[in-house]
């Protein structure tokens, strides 16, 4: 007879759900079918590296939420899902939702996000966290994780906006009811 310990299997299960989250994000609808997403799952030492970078940012910028979130992920994250987007227009003739007259004008400002990229990113993140919720995996979308991941160049340098989603399977969600 084989006995599986819940404690031993918990992290494997969280990583398995993280993989399902990436599939949900990838298959989420995208403007004009243009896929500008890049994603990764982070565990173990890489979680600690991201947390250290978050703490460094918080200390340098005197912005306590980075330190608070770093402590949260160190205390309870079994895995992190990173979902980011490149900034690339859809080459539309009529749009102006970004504030420029058209995509050709916006292209002169390559770091200004295209609303379709950020919208697609939001839909992908929503699809991913719905998978986590369906499996009762605790999670929270954090920009602080994404900023640290970007500084560490975990995703390619062409990715300009990243959201981080820490995941936990514990008796209490460590990412809510936070101090500060």
Foldseek 3Di string as FASTA:
>chain_A
DDDDDCVVCFLVVQVVLLVVLQVQLQPFDAVVNDDFKDKDKDADPVLLQLLVLLVVCCVVVVPCVSPQVSVLCVVFFSMKMKMFGFADDPQDCCDCPLVDRGRVVCVVVRLRHDVRRVVSSVRSNVSSVVSCVVVVKAKDKAQSSVVSCQVVCVDPVRTNGMIMIGTGDDPDRSVPPTDD
